[in-house]
Amino acid sequence: MIKGLRSLSTLLTPKVNSKEWIHGSVRDLRGLLPSGGGQCVACLSPDAHFGLCAPCRQDLPANRWHCRCCALPLAFAGDQTLCGQCLQDLPPFSRVIAPWRYRFPVDSMIQRYKYNGQRVFARPLIHDFTDHLVSILDASPEHRPDLLVASPMHPARRRKRGFNQAADIAEQISKRSGIPWTTDLVTRNRRTRPQRGLNREERQANLRGIYRVASTPPSSIAIVDDVVTTGATARSLTEALLAAGAADVQVWALARTPG
């Protein structure tokens, strides 16, 4: 059971060639291997499946009740209801799929991956997310998009971070689903302030007109990202894709913030 994310042994500093260092390194490597076994990143149980043991996986905050359009978590049962914001201003995208709420431990796992480059924390989320999407597409093949578009990152920010987390997620979904993915269709034409700490109106203003679509997109697209917060990024990117010729745009993300 999750009681707080434990530090990985790779963050500690035991003496090189000591028994502690050797055993810790073996455990870390095992956890990064593509097989299903390994150590739980949350409680360090040796009985993990793709990075999480069964009790910790059950403790992840599922986004069961949510707005049918933007996936905003709701306080009452149902997934066919529109939230107040979507009733006032319906987004241009057709729906958001986000299986978890952005709260502990999912928020900490994504932050360690996104800002510290610790991919081991993203592995179980991306694996389970892909399983979830494949199940949805098997049940409703009419919702299968023609292309996955990783949410673009400005080149300078990508160089600083070292990777684009949306591209990592899109690549794994593509491998499992067979849907092609790209980072080249849409680019950011200027740098913006970081979205963290901005309210909904500030986020929308920050992103206005920043996306350029390089060529005519296919009819059906799924934007892939790590987190949907206010929906400002998804809205701005969707508007650019629709203006360029897309007919339907979905948003696929690991998690949705509570509001």
Protein backbone atom coordinates (compact mmCIF):
# COMPACT_ATOMS: atom_id res chain seq x y z
CA MET A 1 0.00 0.00 0.00
CA ILE A 2 1.24 3.47 -0.85
CA LYS A 3 2.48 5.39 2.19
CA GLY A 4 4.74 7.85 0.39
CA LEU A 5 7.03 7.46 -2.58
CA ARG A 6 10.37 6.09 -1.43
CA SER A 7 13.65 7.35 -2.84
CA LEU A 8 15.26 5.10 -5.43
CA SER A 9 18.59 3.61 -4.44
CA THR A 10 20.19 5.39 -7.40
CA LEU A 11 19.65 8.65 -5.52
CA LEU A 12 21.71 7.44 -2.55
CA THR A 13 25.49 7.48 -2.35
CA PRO A 14 26.81 4.14 -1.04
CA LYS A 15 30.41 3.26 -1.82
CA VAL A 16 31.00 1.89 -5.31
CA ASN A 17 31.51 -1.91 -5.33
CA SER A 18 30.01 -2.25 -1.87
CA LYS A 19 27.39 -4.97 -1.42
CA GLU A 20 24.73 -2.31 -0.84
CA TRP A 21 25.64 -0.54 -4.11
CA ILE A 22 25.73 -3.77 -6.14
CA HIS A 23 22.41 -5.10 -4.82
CA GLY A 24 20.77 -1.68 -5.22
CA SER A 25 21.96 -1.37 -8.81
CA VAL A 26 20.62 -4.82 -9.67
CA ARG A 27 17.23 -3.93 -8.19
CA ASP A 28 17.09 -0.67 -10.15
CA LEU A 29 18.02 -2.35 -13.43
CA ARG A 30 15.42 -5.05 -12.85
CA GLY A 31 12.77 -2.40 -12.33
CA LEU A 32 13.61 -0.78 -15.67
CA LEU A 33 13.54 -3.97 -17.72
CA PRO A 34 10.60 -4.42 -20.13
CA SER A 35 9.39 -7.60 -18.42
CA GLY A 36 6.48 -7.47 -16.01
CA GLY A 37 8.44 -8.10 -12.80
CA GLY A 38 10.55 -5.83 -10.64
CA GLN A 39 10.30 -3.60 -7.59
CA CYS A 40 7.35 -1.39 -6.73
CA VAL A 41 8.34 2.28 -7.10
CA ALA A 42 5.93 3.28 -4.33
CA CYS A 43 6.54 0.81 -1.49
CA LEU A 44 9.59 -1.15 -2.77
CA SER A 45 7.72 -4.46 -2.68
CA PRO A 46 9.51 -7.08 -4.81
CA ASP A 47 6.18 -8.25 -6.25
CA ALA A 48 5.58 -5.47 -8.76
CA HIS A 49 3.95 -5.71 -12.17
CA PHE A 50 5.32 -3.05 -14.52
CA GLY A 51 6.53 -0.94 -11.62
CA LEU A 52 3.66 -1.23 -9.10
CA CYS A 53 2.51 -3.96 -6.75
CA ALA A 54 -1.19 -4.84 -6.72
CA PRO A 55 -2.10 -2.91 -3.51
CA CYS A 56 -0.33 0.28 -4.70
CA ARG A 57 -1.94 0.01 -8.12
CA GLN A 58 -5.36 -0.24 -6.45
CA ASP A 59 -4.56 2.92 -4.45
CA LEU A 60 -4.12 5.06 -7.58
CA PRO A 61 -6.86 7.74 -7.69
CA ALA A 62 -9.11 6.56 -10.53
CA ASN A 63 -11.04 9.28 -12.36
CA ARG A 64 -14.32 7.29 -12.35
CA TRP A 65 -16.79 10.17 -12.14
CA HIS A 66 -16.00 12.92 -14.59
CA CYS A 67 -17.29 15.36 -17.20
CA ARG A 68 -17.98 13.48 -20.43
CA CYS A 69 -16.16 16.14 -22.46
CA CYS A 70 -13.18 17.50 -20.51
CA ALA A 71 -12.88 14.63 -17.94
CA LEU A 72 -13.02 17.08 -15.01
CA PRO A 73 -13.47 14.97 -11.84
CA LEU A 74 -16.99 15.24 -10.45
CA ALA A 75 -18.28 14.69 -6.92
CA PHE A 76 -21.20 12.52 -8.02
CA ALA A 77 -21.62 9.29 -9.97
CA GLY A 78 -21.73 9.43 -13.73
CA ASP A 79 -19.59 9.96 -16.81
CA GLN A 80 -22.26 11.32 -19.20
CA THR A 81 -22.66 14.71 -17.52
CA LEU A 82 -21.12 17.98 -18.66
CA CYS A 83 -19.37 20.09 -16.03
CA GLY A 84 -20.39 23.72 -15.53
CA GLN A 85 -17.46 25.08 -17.53
CA CYS A 86 -18.25 22.90 -20.56
CA LEU A 87 -21.92 23.90 -20.35
CA GLN A 88 -20.89 27.56 -20.52
CA ASP A 89 -18.13 27.18 -23.12
CA LEU A 90 -17.98 23.79 -24.86
CA PRO A 91 -14.36 22.97 -25.80
CA PRO A 92 -13.44 22.35 -29.45
CA PHE A 93 -12.13 18.84 -28.72
CA SER A 94 -14.66 16.00 -28.67
CA ARG A 95 -13.52 14.36 -25.42
CA VAL A 96 -10.68 13.86 -22.96
CA ILE A 97 -9.60 10.41 -21.78
CA ALA A 98 -7.70 10.69 -18.48
CA PRO A 99 -7.93 7.60 -16.25
CA TRP A 100 -6.50 9.14 -13.06
CA ARG A 101 -7.03 12.21 -10.96
CA TYR A 102 -3.95 14.36 -10.55
CA ARG A 103 -3.40 13.81 -6.86
CA PHE A 104 -1.16 11.65 -4.70
CA PRO A 105 0.58 9.46 -5.67
CA VAL A 106 -0.02 10.06 -9.40
CA ASP A 107 0.98 13.73 -9.14
CA SER A 108 4.28 12.85 -7.44
CA MET A 109 5.02 10.08 -9.94
CA ILE A 110 4.46 12.40 -12.91
CA GLN A 111 6.48 15.22 -11.34
CA ARG A 112 9.47 12.96 -10.65
CA TYR A 113 9.33 11.77 -14.24
CA LYS A 114 8.68 15.14 -15.85
CA TYR A 115 10.97 17.42 -13.85
CA ASN A 116 13.65 15.01 -12.60
CA GLY A 117 13.85 12.62 -15.54
CA GLN A 118 13.07 9.56 -13.36
CA ARG A 119 11.33 7.50 -16.01
CA VAL A 120 10.88 4.54 -13.68
CA PHE A 121 7.99 6.43 -12.04
CA ALA A 122 6.21 6.92 -15.38
CA ARG A 123 6.56 3.32 -16.52
CA PRO A 124 3.56 1.86 -14.62
CA LEU A 125 1.32 4.81 -15.51
CA ILE A 126 2.14 4.69 -19.21
CA HIS A 127 1.74 0.89 -19.31
CA ASP A 128 -1.66 0.93 -17.58
CA PHE A 129 -2.80 3.96 -19.59
CA THR A 130 -2.00 2.13 -22.81
CA ASP A 131 -3.92 -0.94 -21.61
CA HIS A 132 -6.87 1.33 -20.83
CA LEU A 133 -6.82 2.94 -24.27
CA VAL A 134 -6.51 -0.37 -26.12
CA SER A 135 -9.53 -1.67 -24.20
CA ILE A 136 -11.56 1.43 -25.11
CA LEU A 137 -10.61 1.20 -28.79
CA ASP A 138 -11.42 -2.51 -28.91
CA ALA A 139 -14.89 -1.78 -27.54
CA SER A 140 -15.45 1.35 -29.69
CA PRO A 141 -13.31 1.13 -32.85
CA GLU A 142 -15.17 4.11 -34.32
CA HIS A 143 -13.23 6.32 -31.87
CA ARG A 144 -9.84 5.12 -33.15
CA PRO A 145 -7.89 8.19 -34.39
CA ASP A 146 -5.81 8.27 -37.55
CA LEU A 147 -2.83 9.88 -35.83
CA LEU A 148 -1.39 10.57 -32.37
CA VAL A 149 0.05 14.07 -31.95
CA ALA A 150 2.41 14.51 -29.01
CA SER A 151 1.76 17.87 -27.38
CA PRO A 152 4.57 20.08 -28.73
CA MET A 153 7.32 21.51 -26.57
CA HIS A 154 9.44 24.50 -27.56
CA PRO A 155 12.89 23.28 -28.71
CA ALA A 156 14.70 25.34 -26.07
CA ARG A 157 12.61 23.85 -23.28
CA ARG A 158 13.05 20.36 -24.66
CA ARG A 159 16.84 20.79 -24.73
CA LYS A 160 16.79 21.96 -21.13
CA ARG A 161 14.60 19.07 -19.94
CA GLY A 162 16.22 16.49 -22.21
CA PHE A 163 12.99 14.90 -23.43
CA ASN A 164 9.34 15.57 -24.23
CA GLN A 165 7.18 13.50 -21.90
CA ALA A 166 4.23 13.66 -24.32
CA ALA A 167 6.39 12.08 -27.03
CA ASP A 168 7.40 9.26 -24.67
CA ILE A 169 3.73 8.52 -23.93
CA ALA A 170 2.65 8.76 -27.58
CA GLU A 171 5.42 6.40 -28.68
CA GLN A 172 4.35 3.71 -26.20
CA ILE A 173 0.68 4.03 -27.15
CA SER A 174 1.64 3.72 -30.81
CA LYS A 175 3.65 0.55 -30.18
CA ARG A 176 0.69 -1.13 -28.49
CA SER A 177 -2.16 0.20 -30.64
CA GLY A 178 -0.54 0.45 -34.06
CA ILE A 179 -1.70 4.06 -34.45
CA PRO A 180 1.07 6.22 -35.97
CA TRP A 181 2.40 9.13 -33.93
CA THR A 182 4.29 12.33 -34.67
CA THR A 183 6.02 15.32 -33.15
CA ASP A 184 6.44 17.06 -36.51
CA LEU A 185 2.88 17.97 -37.49
CA VAL A 186 2.55 20.82 -34.98
CA THR A 187 5.27 23.08 -33.59
CA ARG A 188 5.41 25.95 -31.11
CA ASN A 189 6.37 29.16 -32.88
CA ARG A 190 7.43 31.02 -29.73
CA ARG A 191 8.34 30.44 -26.10
CA THR A 192 5.77 31.07 -23.39
CA ARG A 193 5.74 31.49 -19.65
CA PRO A 194 5.52 28.17 -17.78
CA GLN A 195 1.86 27.18 -17.33
CA ARG A 196 2.36 26.19 -13.69
CA GLY A 197 0.90 28.79 -11.35
CA LEU A 198 -1.28 30.48 -13.99
CA ASN A 199 -5.07 30.54 -13.74
CA ARG A 200 -7.36 29.47 -16.58
CA GLU A 201 -7.59 32.89 -18.24
CA GLU A 202 -3.82 33.47 -17.97
CA ARG A 203 -3.12 30.05 -19.47
CA GLN A 204 -5.38 30.73 -22.44
CA ALA A 205 -3.77 34.12 -23.08
CA ASN A 206 -0.30 32.59 -22.67
CA LEU A 207 -1.00 29.99 -25.39
CA ARG A 208 -2.93 32.12 -27.86
CA GLY A 209 -1.56 31.71 -31.39
CA ILE A 210 1.57 29.76 -30.43
CA TYR A 211 0.95 26.63 -32.55
CA ARG A 212 1.78 26.20 -36.23
CA VAL A 213 0.50 23.18 -38.19
CA ALA A 214 3.06 22.16 -40.80
CA SER A 215 0.74 20.28 -43.19
CA THR A 216 -2.87 19.21 -43.63
CA PRO A 217 -3.71 16.85 -40.77
CA PRO A 218 -5.75 13.65 -41.10
CA SER A 219 -9.43 13.70 -40.24
CA SER A 220 -9.23 12.20 -36.74
CA ILE A 221 -6.50 13.04 -34.24
CA ALA A 222 -5.70 12.31 -30.60
CA ILE A 223 -3.49 14.81 -28.78
CA VAL A 224 -1.29 13.02 -26.23
CA ASP A 225 -0.08 14.74 -23.06
CA ASP A 226 0.75 13.93 -19.45
CA VAL A 227 -1.77 16.10 -17.56
CA VAL A 228 -4.84 18.16 -18.44
CA THR A 229 -5.15 21.08 -16.00
CA THR A 230 -7.50 23.82 -17.19
CA GLY A 231 -7.65 22.49 -20.74
CA ALA A 232 -6.05 25.66 -22.15
CA THR A 233 -3.24 23.78 -23.93
CA ALA A 234 -5.65 21.20 -25.35
CA ARG A 235 -8.05 23.90 -26.49
CA SER A 236 -5.38 25.99 -28.24
CA LEU A 237 -3.81 22.98 -29.94
CA THR A 238 -7.21 21.61 -31.00
CA GLU A 239 -8.21 24.95 -32.53
CA ALA A 240 -5.01 24.99 -34.60
CA LEU A 241 -5.60 21.42 -35.85
CA LEU A 242 -9.25 22.05 -36.71
CA ALA A 243 -8.34 25.25 -38.56
CA ALA A 244 -5.78 23.26 -40.58
CA GLY A 245 -8.38 20.70 -41.67
CA ALA A 246 -8.90 18.08 -38.96
CA ALA A 247 -12.51 17.05 -38.36
CA ASP A 248 -12.29 15.52 -34.87
CA VAL A 249 -9.73 15.93 -32.09
CA GLN A 250 -9.57 13.94 -28.86
CA VAL A 251 -7.20 14.47 -25.92
CA TRP A 252 -5.50 11.53 -24.21
CA ALA A 253 -3.66 12.21 -20.94
CA LEU A 254 -2.48 10.28 -17.92
CA ALA A 255 -4.32 12.46 -15.42
CA ARG A 256 -6.81 15.30 -14.95
CA THR A 257 -6.56 17.90 -12.22
CA PRO A 258 -9.57 18.28 -9.89
CA GLY A 259 -10.21 21.80 -11.12
